[in-house]
Amino acid sequence: MSKRKSSNEDWVLETLRLDYTNLTQDEFIVKCGLSRTTYQRWVRGKSSPRLTPEQIANVCRICRISFNTFFTKLGISIAEIPEK
């Protein structure tokens, strides 16, 4: 499904978009409820992402991946996430 192979230099959302969807960057941004400018800053490494729970859920739904897969791609084990 990937339009191109992603590299380790890509930010994880861009990698997920390319590997799991056929959406353009703009389509993906809108469906995830993100700002285009903010997303592009994240991809370029100019700022750190702070996704809301709703945005994380949107990414997982759009990419058809589990929360576990999402956090694994970020290098985070769900077991390490503290419960509130």
PDB file of N, CA and C in Angstrom:
ATOM      1  N   MET A   1       0.815  -1.189   0.000  1.00  0.00           N
ATOM      2  CA  MET A   1       0.000   0.000   0.000  1.00  0.00           C
ATOM      3  C   MET A   1       0.862   1.257   0.000  1.00  0.00           C
ATOM      4  N   SER A   2       2.108   1.142   0.347  1.00  0.00           N
ATOM      5  CA  SER A   2       2.996   2.292   0.480  1.00  0.00           C
ATOM      6  C   SER A   2       3.298   2.915  -0.878  1.00  0.00           C
ATOM      7  N   LYS A   3       3.307   4.243  -0.914  1.00  0.00           N
ATOM      8  CA  LYS A   3       3.663   4.965  -2.129  1.00  0.00           C
ATOM      9  C   LYS A   3       5.174   4.962  -2.335  1.00  0.00           C
ATOM     10  N   ARG A   4       5.891   4.898  -1.246  1.00  0.00           N
ATOM     11  CA  ARG A   4       7.350   4.810  -1.298  1.00  0.00           C
ATOM     12  C   ARG A   4       7.812   4.207   0.008  1.00  0.00           C
ATOM     13  N   LYS A   5       9.010   3.743   0.010  1.00  0.00           N
ATOM     14  CA  LYS A   5       9.566   3.211   1.255  1.00  0.00           C
ATOM     15  C   LYS A   5       9.878   4.375   2.180  1.00  0.00           C
ATOM     16  N   SER A   6       9.507   4.222   3.431  1.00  0.00           N
ATOM     17  CA  SER A   6       9.813   5.263   4.403  1.00  0.00           C
ATOM     18  C   SER A   6      11.204   5.022   4.971  1.00  0.00           C
ATOM     19  N   SER A   7      11.833   6.095   5.398  1.00  0.00           N
ATOM     20  CA  SER A   7      13.159   5.971   5.985  1.00  0.00           C
ATOM     21  C   SER A   7      13.072   6.279   7.465  1.00  0.00           C
ATOM     22  N   ASN A   8      14.126   5.934   8.193  1.00  0.00           N
ATOM     23  CA  ASN A   8      14.165   6.210   9.623  1.00  0.00           C
ATOM     24  C   ASN A   8      14.176   7.700   9.912  1.00  0.00           C
ATOM     25  N   GLU A   9      14.466   8.516   8.906  1.00  0.00           N
ATOM     26  CA  GLU A   9      14.527   9.956   9.104  1.00  0.00           C
ATOM     27  C   GLU A   9      13.126  10.586   9.101  1.00  0.00           C
ATOM     28  N   ASP A  10      12.145   9.881   8.561  1.00  0.00           N
ATOM     29  CA  ASP A  10      10.783  10.406   8.537  1.00  0.00           C
ATOM     30  C   ASP A  10      10.203  10.436   9.937  1.00  0.00           C
ATOM     31  N   TRP A  11       9.392  11.412  10.208  1.00  0.00           N
ATOM     32  CA  TRP A  11       8.661  11.434  11.457  1.00  0.00           C
ATOM     33  C   TRP A  11       7.600  10.347  11.399  1.00  0.00           C
ATOM     34  N   VAL A  12       7.260   9.752  12.521  1.00  0.00           N
ATOM     35  CA  VAL A  12       6.417   8.563  12.567  1.00  0.00           C
ATOM     36  C   VAL A  12       5.058   8.758  11.897  1.00  0.00           C
ATOM     37  N   LEU A  13       4.414   9.904  12.023  1.00  0.00           N
ATOM     38  CA  LEU A  13       3.112  10.089  11.368  1.00  0.00           C
ATOM     39  C   LEU A  13       3.244  10.048   9.856  1.00  0.00           C
ATOM     40  N   GLU A  14       4.289  10.646   9.343  1.00  0.00           N
ATOM     41  CA  GLU A  14       4.514  10.625   7.901  1.00  0.00           C
ATOM     42  C   GLU A  14       4.796   9.193   7.439  1.00  0.00           C
ATOM     43  N   THR A  15       5.549   8.459   8.220  1.00  0.00           N
ATOM     44  CA  THR A  15       5.814   7.062   7.901  1.00  0.00           C
ATOM     45  C   THR A  15       4.528   6.251   7.912  1.00  0.00           C
ATOM     46  N   LEU A  16       3.688   6.457   8.929  1.00  0.00           N
ATOM     47  CA  LEU A  16       2.407   5.754   8.990  1.00  0.00           C
ATOM     48  C   LEU A  16       1.533   6.121   7.794  1.00  0.00           C
ATOM     49  N   ARG A  17       1.474   7.384   7.458  1.00  0.00           N
ATOM     50  CA  ARG A  17       0.670   7.827   6.309  1.00  0.00           C
ATOM     51  C   ARG A  17       1.111   7.119   5.040  1.00  0.00           C
ATOM     52  N   LEU A  18       2.411   7.076   4.824  1.00  0.00           N
ATOM     53  CA  LEU A  18       2.940   6.470   3.603  1.00  0.00           C
ATOM     54  C   LEU A  18       2.790   4.944   3.583  1.00  0.00           C
ATOM     55  N   ASP A  19       2.974   4.323   4.738  1.00  0.00           N
ATOM     56  CA  ASP A  19       2.953   2.860   4.793  1.00  0.00           C
ATOM     57  C   ASP A  19       1.548   2.262   4.896  1.00  0.00           C
ATOM     58  N   TYR A  20       0.607   3.000   5.481  1.00  0.00           N
ATOM     59  CA  TYR A  20      -0.703   2.415   5.776  1.00  0.00           C
ATOM     60  C   TYR A  20      -1.882   3.066   5.060  1.00  0.00           C
ATOM     61  N   THR A  21      -1.660   4.149   4.318  1.00  0.00           N
ATOM     62  CA  THR A  21      -2.772   4.789   3.624  1.00  0.00           C
ATOM     63  C   THR A  21      -2.362   5.142   2.198  1.00  0.00           C
ATOM     64  N   ASN A  22      -3.352   5.498   1.421  1.00  0.00           N
ATOM     65  CA  ASN A  22      -3.113   6.036   0.072  1.00  0.00           C
ATOM     66  C   ASN A  22      -3.492   7.511   0.036  1.00  0.00           C
ATOM     67  N   LEU A  23      -3.486   8.150   1.194  1.00  0.00           N
ATOM     68  CA  LEU A  23      -3.893   9.543   1.291  1.00  0.00           C
ATOM     69  C   LEU A  23      -2.735  10.484   1.001  1.00  0.00           C
ATOM     70  N   THR A  24      -3.090  11.642   0.439  1.00  0.00           N
ATOM     71  CA  THR A  24      -2.085  12.694   0.312  1.00  0.00           C
ATOM     72  C   THR A  24      -1.824  13.250   1.709  1.00  0.00           C
ATOM     73  N   GLN A  25      -0.776  14.020   1.841  1.00  0.00           N
ATOM     74  CA  GLN A  25      -0.474  14.622   3.134  1.00  0.00           C
ATOM     75  C   GLN A  25      -1.631  15.505   3.597  1.00  0.00           C
ATOM     76  N   ASP A  26      -2.195  16.309   2.696  1.00  0.00           N
ATOM     77  CA  ASP A  26      -3.311  17.178   3.066  1.00  0.00           C
ATOM     78  C   ASP A  26      -4.537  16.380   3.487  1.00  0.00           C
ATOM     79  N   GLU A  27      -4.878  15.315   2.767  1.00  0.00           N
ATOM     80  CA  GLU A  27      -6.030  14.483   3.132  1.00  0.00           C
ATOM     81  C   GLU A  27      -5.837  13.872   4.520  1.00  0.00           C
ATOM     82  N   PHE A  28      -4.631  13.379   4.772  1.00  0.00           N
ATOM     83  CA  PHE A  28      -4.312  12.750   6.051  1.00  0.00           C
ATOM     84  C   PHE A  28      -4.435  13.756   7.196  1.00  0.00           C
ATOM     85  N   ILE A  29      -3.886  14.951   6.989  1.00  0.00           N
ATOM     86  CA  ILE A  29      -3.915  16.003   8.000  1.00  0.00           C
ATOM     87  C   ILE A  29      -5.357  16.353   8.371  1.00  0.00           C
ATOM     88  N   VAL A  30      -6.198  16.533   7.370  1.00  0.00           N
ATOM     89  CA  VAL A  30      -7.600  16.897   7.616  1.00  0.00           C
ATOM     90  C   VAL A  30      -8.319  15.774   8.357  1.00  0.00           C
ATOM     91  N   LYS A  31      -8.164  14.532   7.901  1.00  0.00           N
ATOM     92  CA  LYS A  31      -8.855  13.402   8.535  1.00  0.00           C
ATOM     93  C   LYS A  31      -8.396  13.180   9.973  1.00  0.00           C
ATOM     94  N   CYS A  32      -7.136  13.516  10.266  1.00  0.00           N
ATOM     95  CA  CYS A  32      -6.607  13.341  11.626  1.00  0.00           C
ATOM     96  C   CYS A  32      -6.954  14.515  12.539  1.00  0.00           C
ATOM     97  N   GLY A  33      -7.442  15.598  11.958  1.00  0.00           N
ATOM     98  CA  GLY A  33      -7.783  16.772  12.767  1.00  0.00           C
ATOM     99  C   GLY A  33      -6.565  17.569  13.169  1.00  0.00           C
ATOM    100  N   LEU A  34      -5.588  17.634  12.268  1.00  0.00           N
ATOM    101  CA  LEU A  34      -4.338  18.332  12.552  1.00  0.00           C
ATOM    102  C   LEU A  34      -4.247  19.619  11.745  1.00  0.00           C
ATOM    103  N   SER A  35      -3.390  20.506  12.187  1.00  0.00           N
ATOM    104  CA  SER A  35      -3.080  21.723  11.453  1.00  0.00           C
ATOM    105  C   SER A  35      -1.982  21.403  10.441  1.00  0.00           C
ATOM    106  N   ARG A  36      -2.149  21.900   9.213  1.00  0.00           N
ATOM    107  CA  ARG A  36      -1.150  21.649   8.173  1.00  0.00           C
ATOM    108  C   ARG A  36       0.219  22.207   8.569  1.00  0.00           C
ATOM    109  N   THR A  37       0.242  23.426   9.058  1.00  0.00           N
ATOM    110  CA  THR A  37       1.500  24.066   9.444  1.00  0.00           C
ATOM    111  C   THR A  37       2.187  23.291  10.563  1.00  0.00           C
ATOM    112  N   THR A  38       1.420  22.912  11.572  1.00  0.00           N
ATOM    113  CA  THR A  38       1.981  22.159  12.693  1.00  0.00           C
ATOM    114  C   THR A  38       2.520  20.825  12.230  1.00  0.00           C
ATOM    115  N   TYR A  39       1.756  20.111  11.404  1.00  0.00           N
ATOM    116  CA  TYR A  39       2.180  18.810  10.895  1.00  0.00           C
ATOM    117  C   TYR A  39       3.501  18.935  10.145  1.00  0.00           C
ATOM    118  N   GLN A  40       3.605  19.930   9.287  1.00  0.00           N
ATOM    119  CA  GLN A  40       4.831  20.115   8.506  1.00  0.00           C
ATOM    120  C   GLN A  40       6.020  20.476   9.394  1.00  0.00           C
ATOM    121  N   ARG A  41       5.777  21.222  10.474  1.00  0.00           N
ATOM    122  CA  ARG A  41       6.860  21.507  11.432  1.00  0.00           C
ATOM    123  C   ARG A  41       7.325  20.222  12.099  1.00  0.00           C
ATOM    124  N   TRP A  42       6.364  19.344  12.447  1.00  0.00           N
ATOM    125  CA  TRP A  42       6.726  18.062  13.057  1.00  0.00           C
ATOM    126  C   TRP A  42       7.567  17.233  12.113  1.00  0.00           C
ATOM    127  N   VAL A  43       7.117  17.133  10.857  1.00  0.00           N
ATOM    128  CA  VAL A  43       7.826  16.318   9.866  1.00  0.00           C
ATOM    129  C   VAL A  43       9.245  16.842   9.652  1.00  0.00           C
ATOM    130  N   ARG A  44       9.402  18.146   9.658  1.00  0.00           N
ATOM    131  CA  ARG A  44      10.730  18.760   9.451  1.00  0.00           C
ATOM    132  C   ARG A  44      11.575  18.799  10.723  1.00  0.00           C
ATOM    133  N   GLY A  45      10.985  18.374  11.844  1.00  0.00           N
ATOM    134  CA  GLY A  45      11.725  18.362  13.105  1.00  0.00           C
ATOM    135  C   GLY A  45      11.858  19.728  13.743  1.00  0.00           C
ATOM    136  N   LYS A  46      11.014  20.671  13.350  1.00  0.00           N
ATOM    137  CA  LYS A  46      11.104  22.023  13.899  1.00  0.00           C
ATOM    138  C   LYS A  46      10.313  22.196  15.188  1.00  0.00           C
ATOM    139  N   SER A  47       9.459  21.235  15.505  1.00  0.00           N
ATOM    140  CA  SER A  47       8.753  21.246  16.783  1.00  0.00           C
ATOM    141  C   SER A  47       8.396  19.811  17.156  1.00  0.00           C
ATOM    142  N   SER A  48       8.098  19.607  18.422  1.00  0.00           N
ATOM    143  CA  SER A  48       7.755  18.274  18.914  1.00  0.00           C
ATOM    144  C   SER A  48       6.248  18.094  18.909  1.00  0.00           C
ATOM    145  N   PRO A  49       5.786  16.938  18.436  1.00  0.00           N
ATOM    146  CA  PRO A  49       4.345  16.707  18.383  1.00  0.00           C
ATOM    147  C   PRO A  49       3.724  16.517  19.759  1.00  0.00           C
ATOM    148  N   ARG A  50       2.516  17.022  19.900  1.00  0.00           N
ATOM    149  CA  ARG A  50       1.710  16.810  21.104  1.00  0.00           C
ATOM    150  C   ARG A  50       0.300  16.485  20.641  1.00  0.00           C
ATOM    151  N   LEU A  51       0.087  15.223  20.338  1.00  0.00           N
ATOM    152  CA  LEU A  51      -1.211  14.784  19.845  1.00  0.00           C
ATOM    153  C   LEU A  51      -2.194  14.615  20.987  1.00  0.00           C
ATOM    154  N   THR A  52      -3.428  14.994  20.740  1.00  0.00           N
ATOM    155  CA  THR A  52      -4.487  14.764  21.711  1.00  0.00           C
ATOM    156  C   THR A  52      -4.919  13.297  21.609  1.00  0.00           C
ATOM    157  N   PRO A  53      -5.583  12.773  22.628  1.00  0.00           N
ATOM    158  CA  PRO A  53      -6.100  11.401  22.532  1.00  0.00           C
ATOM    159  C   PRO A  53      -7.007  11.214  21.307  1.00  0.00           C
ATOM    160  N   GLU A  54      -7.800  12.222  20.994  1.00  0.00           N
ATOM    161  CA  GLU A  54      -8.685  12.142  19.821  1.00  0.00           C
ATOM    162  C   GLU A  54      -7.872  12.040  18.528  1.00  0.00           C
ATOM    163  N   GLN A  55      -6.795  12.806  18.420  1.00  0.00           N
ATOM    164  CA  GLN A  55      -5.946  12.759  17.228  1.00  0.00           C
ATOM    165  C   GLN A  55      -5.250  11.407  17.115  1.00  0.00           C
ATOM    166  N   ILE A  56      -4.800  10.852  18.229  1.00  0.00           N
ATOM    167  CA  ILE A  56      -4.179   9.527  18.214  1.00  0.00           C
ATOM    168  C   ILE A  56      -5.195   8.495  17.736  1.00  0.00           C
ATOM    169  N   ALA A  57      -6.421   8.573  18.251  1.00  0.00           N
ATOM    170  CA  ALA A  57      -7.476   7.654  17.832  1.00  0.00           C
ATOM    171  C   ALA A  57      -7.758   7.800  16.332  1.00  0.00           C
ATOM    172  N   ASN A  58      -7.772   9.039  15.839  1.00  0.00           N
ATOM    173  CA  ASN A  58      -7.990   9.276  14.406  1.00  0.00           C
ATOM    174  C   ASN A  58      -6.893   8.643  13.564  1.00  0.00           C
ATOM    175  N   VAL A  59      -5.645   8.829  13.968  1.00  0.00           N
ATOM    176  CA  VAL A  59      -4.516   8.241  13.231  1.00  0.00           C
ATOM    177  C   VAL A  59      -4.658   6.720  13.184  1.00  0.00           C
ATOM    178  N   CYS A  60      -4.952   6.117  14.326  1.00  0.00           N
ATOM    179  CA  CYS A  60      -5.089   4.660  14.388  1.00  0.00           C
ATOM    180  C   CYS A  60      -6.240   4.174  13.508  1.00  0.00           C
ATOM    181  N   ARG A  61      -7.357   4.892  13.543  1.00  0.00           N
ATOM    182  CA  ARG A  61      -8.516   4.510  12.721  1.00  0.00           C
ATOM    183  C   ARG A  61      -8.202   4.645  11.238  1.00  0.00           C
ATOM    184  N   ILE A  62      -7.613   5.750  10.837  1.00  0.00           N
ATOM    185  CA  ILE A  62      -7.310   6.013   9.432  1.00  0.00           C
ATOM    186  C   ILE A  62      -6.275   5.022   8.893  1.00  0.00           C
ATOM    187  N   CYS A  63      -5.281   4.716   9.715  1.00  0.00           N
ATOM    188  CA  CYS A  63      -4.221   3.783   9.302  1.00  0.00           C
ATOM    189  C   CYS A  63      -4.614   2.319   9.518  1.00  0.00           C
ATOM    190  N   ARG A  64      -5.742   2.118  10.216  1.00  0.00           N
ATOM    191  CA  ARG A  64      -6.220   0.763  10.541  1.00  0.00           C
ATOM    192  C   ARG A  64      -5.165  -0.010  11.332  1.00  0.00           C
ATOM    193  N   ILE A  65      -4.679   0.667  12.373  1.00  0.00           N
ATOM    194  CA  ILE A  65      -3.701   0.042  13.264  1.00  0.00           C
ATOM    195  C   ILE A  65      -4.208   0.146  14.697  1.00  0.00           C
ATOM    196  N   SER A  66      -3.681  -0.689  15.558  1.00  0.00           N
ATOM    197  CA  SER A  66      -4.064  -0.660  16.970  1.00  0.00           C
ATOM    198  C   SER A  66      -3.275   0.442  17.688  1.00  0.00           C
ATOM    199  N   PHE A  67      -3.774   0.793  18.885  1.00  0.00           N
ATOM    200  CA  PHE A  67      -3.017   1.733  19.711  1.00  0.00           C
ATOM    201  C   PHE A  67      -1.639   1.150  20.019  1.00  0.00           C
ATOM    202  N   ASN A  68      -1.594  -0.154  20.260  1.00  0.00           N
ATOM    203  CA  ASN A  68      -0.320  -0.809  20.562  1.00  0.00           C
ATOM    204  C   ASN A  68       0.667  -0.618  19.406  1.00  0.00           C
ATOM    205  N   THR A  69       0.212  -0.806  18.178  1.00  0.00           N
ATOM    206  CA  THR A  69       1.081  -0.606  17.017  1.00  0.00           C
ATOM    207  C   THR A  69       1.539   0.844  16.931  1.00  0.00           C
ATOM    208  N   PHE A  70       0.619   1.771  17.160  1.00  0.00           N
ATOM    209  CA  PHE A  70       0.966   3.194  17.116  1.00  0.00           C
ATOM    210  C   PHE A  70       2.083   3.507  18.106  1.00  0.00           C
ATOM    211  N   PHE A  71       1.886   3.091  19.353  1.00  0.00           N
ATOM    212  CA  PHE A  71       2.888   3.396  20.375  1.00  0.00           C
ATOM    213  C   PHE A  71       4.191   2.634  20.147  1.00  0.00           C
ATOM    214  N   THR A  72       4.107   1.424  19.599  1.00  0.00           N
ATOM    215  CA  THR A  72       5.314   0.659  19.266  1.00  0.00           C
ATOM    216  C   THR A  72       6.134   1.410  18.215  1.00  0.00           C
ATOM    217  N   LYS A  73       5.453   1.984  17.218  1.00  0.00           N
ATOM    218  CA  LYS A  73       6.159   2.773  16.188  1.00  0.00           C
ATOM    219  C   LYS A  73       6.869   3.981  16.798  1.00  0.00           C
ATOM    220  N   LEU A  74       6.316   4.484  17.912  1.00  0.00           N
ATOM    221  CA  LEU A  74       6.954   5.600  18.621  1.00  0.00           C
ATOM    222  C   LEU A  74       8.062   5.134  19.560  1.00  0.00           C
ATOM    223  N   GLY A  75       8.196   3.811  19.697  1.00  0.00           N
ATOM    224  CA  GLY A  75       9.199   3.270  20.605  1.00  0.00           C
ATOM    225  C   GLY A  75       8.733   3.237  22.046  1.00  0.00           C
ATOM    226  N   ILE A  76       7.399   3.212  22.243  1.00  0.00           N
ATOM    227  CA  ILE A  76       6.826   3.206  23.591  1.00  0.00           C
ATOM    228  C   ILE A  76       6.042   1.916  23.792  1.00  0.00           C
ATOM    229  N   SER A  77       6.313   1.238  24.885  1.00  0.00           N
ATOM    230  CA  SER A  77       5.545   0.050  25.241  1.00  0.00           C
ATOM    231  C   SER A  77       4.315   0.503  26.017  1.00  0.00           C
ATOM    232  N   ILE A  78       3.155  -0.035  25.657  1.00  0.00           N
ATOM    233  CA  ILE A  78       1.933   0.333  26.375  1.00  0.00           C
ATOM    234  C   ILE A  78       2.064   0.016  27.858  1.00  0.00           C
ATOM    235  N   ALA A  79       2.824  -1.001  28.194  1.00  0.00           N
ATOM    236  CA  ALA A  79       3.027  -1.368  29.599  1.00  0.00           C
ATOM    237  C   ALA A  79       3.733  -0.230  30.362  1.00  0.00           C
ATOM    238  N   GLU A  80       4.469   0.631  29.650  1.00  0.00           N
ATOM    239  CA  GLU A  80       5.189   1.733  30.291  1.00  0.00           C
ATOM    240  C   GLU A  80       4.311   2.970  30.510  1.00  0.00           C
ATOM    241  N   ILE A  81       3.109   2.987  29.938  1.00  0.00           N
ATOM    242  CA  ILE A  81       2.235   4.143  30.075  1.00  0.00           C
ATOM    243  C   ILE A  81       1.518   4.078  31.410  1.00  0.00           C
ATOM    244  N   PRO A  82       1.695   5.083  32.246  1.00  0.00           N
ATOM    245  CA  PRO A  82       1.052   5.044  33.571  1.00  0.00           C
ATOM    246  C   PRO A  82      -0.457   5.183  33.472  1.00  0.00           C
ATOM    247  N   GLU A  83      -1.151   4.496  34.364  1.00  0.00           N
ATOM    248  CA  GLU A  83      -2.603   4.606  34.423  1.00  0.00           C
ATOM    249  C   GLU A  83      -2.948   5.804  35.296  1.00  0.00           C
ATOM    250  N   LYS A  84      -4.050   6.458  34.967  1.00  0.00           N
ATOM    251  CA  LYS A  84      -4.495   7.616  35.759  1.00  0.00           C
ATOM    252  C   LYS A  84      -5.656   7.239  36.614  1.00  0.00           C
TER     253      LYS A  84
END
